[in-house]
Amino acid sequence: QVQLKESGGGLVQPGGSLRLSCELSPSTFNTYNMGWYRQVPGKQREWVALISSGGDTKYQDSAKGRFTISRDSLRYTINLQMTDLKPQDTAVYYCIRIVDLARGTHFGSWGLGTQVTVSS
């Protein structure tokens, strides 16, 4: 069972930045492709950014140029640096194991997520 713990969300003004982190066990960090999804109430979760176990990345068009996904091998975290945030980025953000990088297909149980609210 992959244990996931997201953090770093909060309230930020449009144009601001946030850095989300997802804590993983060392074995999970070293083995699996991972990704960040987000969910707006009433809508399906959508993947935002993906990263392979080797560090290759992929982004949704809405995130390109503004979000950066990375792996921290010292802290065993998957991070999502978000800049130039927009109100439409408001959502609960989750990290999850990815089994198909081409499609962003996820696997496993969702964590609690972390709320990101972009508002003036």
Protein backbone atom coordinates (compact mmCIF):
# COMPACT_ATOMS: atom_id res chain seq x y z
CA GLN A 1 0.00 0.00 0.00
CA VAL A 2 1.48 3.33 -1.08
CA GLN A 3 1.27 5.91 1.69
CA LEU A 4 0.75 9.46 0.47
CA LYS A 5 0.73 12.73 2.37
CA GLU A 6 0.24 16.00 0.56
CA SER A 7 1.01 19.43 1.99
CA GLY A 8 1.71 23.01 1.00
CA GLY A 9 -1.68 24.24 -0.11
CA GLY A 10 -3.24 27.49 0.97
CA LEU A 11 -4.85 30.73 -0.07
CA VAL A 12 -2.93 32.83 -2.59
CA GLN A 13 -3.73 35.82 -4.75
CA PRO A 14 -3.84 35.54 -8.54
CA GLY A 15 -0.32 35.65 -9.90
CA GLY A 16 1.10 34.16 -6.72
CA SER A 17 3.04 30.96 -6.15
CA LEU A 18 2.78 27.84 -4.03
CA ARG A 19 4.91 24.75 -3.59
CA LEU A 20 3.15 21.48 -2.90
CA SER A 21 4.92 18.44 -1.48
CA CYS A 22 4.03 14.78 -1.33
CA GLU A 23 5.84 12.64 1.22
CA LEU A 24 6.65 9.09 0.17
CA SER A 25 8.39 6.11 1.66
CA PRO A 26 11.89 5.55 0.25
CA SER A 27 10.82 2.41 -1.58
CA THR A 28 7.84 4.14 -3.17
CA PHE A 29 9.95 7.13 -4.14
CA ASN A 30 12.59 4.98 -5.81
CA THR A 31 10.21 2.63 -7.59
CA TYR A 32 7.17 4.37 -8.97
CA ASN A 33 6.20 7.01 -11.47
CA MET A 34 4.17 9.68 -9.68
CA GLY A 35 1.84 12.50 -10.56
CA TRP A 36 -0.23 15.36 -9.27
CA TYR A 37 -3.96 15.42 -9.88
CA ARG A 38 -6.48 18.06 -8.93
CA GLN A 39 -10.21 18.08 -8.37
CA VAL A 40 -12.74 20.88 -8.41
CA PRO A 41 -16.03 20.16 -6.60
CA GLY A 42 -18.50 18.61 -8.98
CA LYS A 43 -15.86 17.68 -11.54
CA GLN A 44 -13.68 14.67 -12.15
CA ARG A 45 -10.11 14.61 -11.00
CA GLU A 46 -7.66 15.53 -13.73
CA TRP A 47 -3.94 14.99 -13.88
CA VAL A 48 -1.83 18.11 -13.90
CA ALA A 49 1.79 16.94 -13.96
CA LEU A 50 3.55 13.59 -14.11
CA ILE A 51 7.09 12.47 -13.35
CA SER A 52 8.73 9.16 -14.06
CA SER A 53 10.94 7.34 -11.58
CA GLY A 54 13.82 8.57 -13.72
CA GLY A 55 12.73 12.20 -13.70
CA ASP A 56 11.01 12.61 -17.08
CA THR A 57 8.10 15.02 -16.84
CA LYS A 58 4.81 15.66 -18.58
CA TYR A 59 2.29 18.46 -18.12
CA GLN A 60 -1.26 19.27 -19.01
CA ASP A 61 -1.50 22.25 -21.34
CA SER A 62 -3.03 24.30 -18.52
CA ALA A 63 0.10 23.77 -16.42
CA LYS A 64 2.83 24.15 -19.03
CA GLY A 65 5.15 27.04 -18.36
CA ARG A 66 3.66 27.68 -14.91
CA PHE A 67 4.01 24.44 -12.94
CA THR A 68 7.13 22.36 -12.34
CA ILE A 69 7.07 18.83 -10.96
CA SER A 70 10.23 17.49 -9.37
CA ARG A 71 11.64 14.73 -7.20
CA ASP A 72 13.65 15.41 -4.04
CA SER A 73 15.81 12.36 -3.36
CA LEU A 74 16.99 13.68 0.01
CA ARG A 75 13.51 14.13 1.44
CA TYR A 76 11.70 11.46 -0.63
CA THR A 77 9.14 13.97 -1.82
CA ILE A 78 7.42 14.75 -5.08
CA ASN A 79 7.02 18.50 -5.38
CA LEU A 80 4.85 20.75 -7.51
CA GLN A 81 6.04 24.32 -7.83
CA MET A 82 3.16 26.44 -9.06
CA THR A 83 3.63 29.99 -10.30
CA ASP A 84 1.39 32.61 -11.90
CA LEU A 85 -1.59 30.96 -10.23
CA LYS A 86 -5.04 31.68 -11.61
CA PRO A 87 -8.50 31.38 -10.03
CA GLN A 88 -9.15 28.34 -12.23
CA ASP A 89 -6.28 26.55 -10.48
CA THR A 90 -8.40 26.45 -7.33
CA ALA A 91 -8.86 22.79 -6.42
CA VAL A 92 -7.82 20.04 -4.06
CA TYR A 93 -4.47 18.68 -5.23
CA TYR A 94 -3.49 15.05 -4.80
CA CYS A 95 -0.39 13.06 -5.52
CA ILE A 96 -0.78 9.51 -6.72
CA ARG A 97 1.13 6.63 -8.23
CA ILE A 98 1.07 6.65 -12.04
CA VAL A 99 1.03 3.38 -14.01
CA ASP A 100 0.71 4.80 -17.52
CA LEU A 101 2.70 7.96 -18.16
CA ALA A 102 1.27 8.38 -21.66
CA ARG A 103 -2.28 8.66 -20.32
CA GLY A 104 -1.70 9.70 -16.72
CA THR A 105 -3.48 6.59 -15.49
CA HIS A 106 -3.31 6.39 -11.72
CA PHE A 107 -3.32 3.47 -9.32
CA GLY A 108 -3.97 3.10 -5.62
CA SER A 109 -5.81 4.95 -2.90
CA TRP A 110 -6.09 8.71 -2.78
CA GLY A 111 -4.69 10.67 0.14
CA LEU A 112 -6.47 13.59 1.78
CA GLY A 113 -5.05 16.07 -0.69
CA THR A 114 -4.19 19.71 -0.07
CA GLN A 115 -6.50 22.62 -0.84
CA VAL A 116 -5.28 25.38 -3.14
CA THR A 117 -7.42 28.49 -3.34
CA VAL A 118 -6.54 31.31 -5.71
CA SER A 119 -8.55 34.40 -4.94
CA SER A 120 -8.14 38.11 -4.44
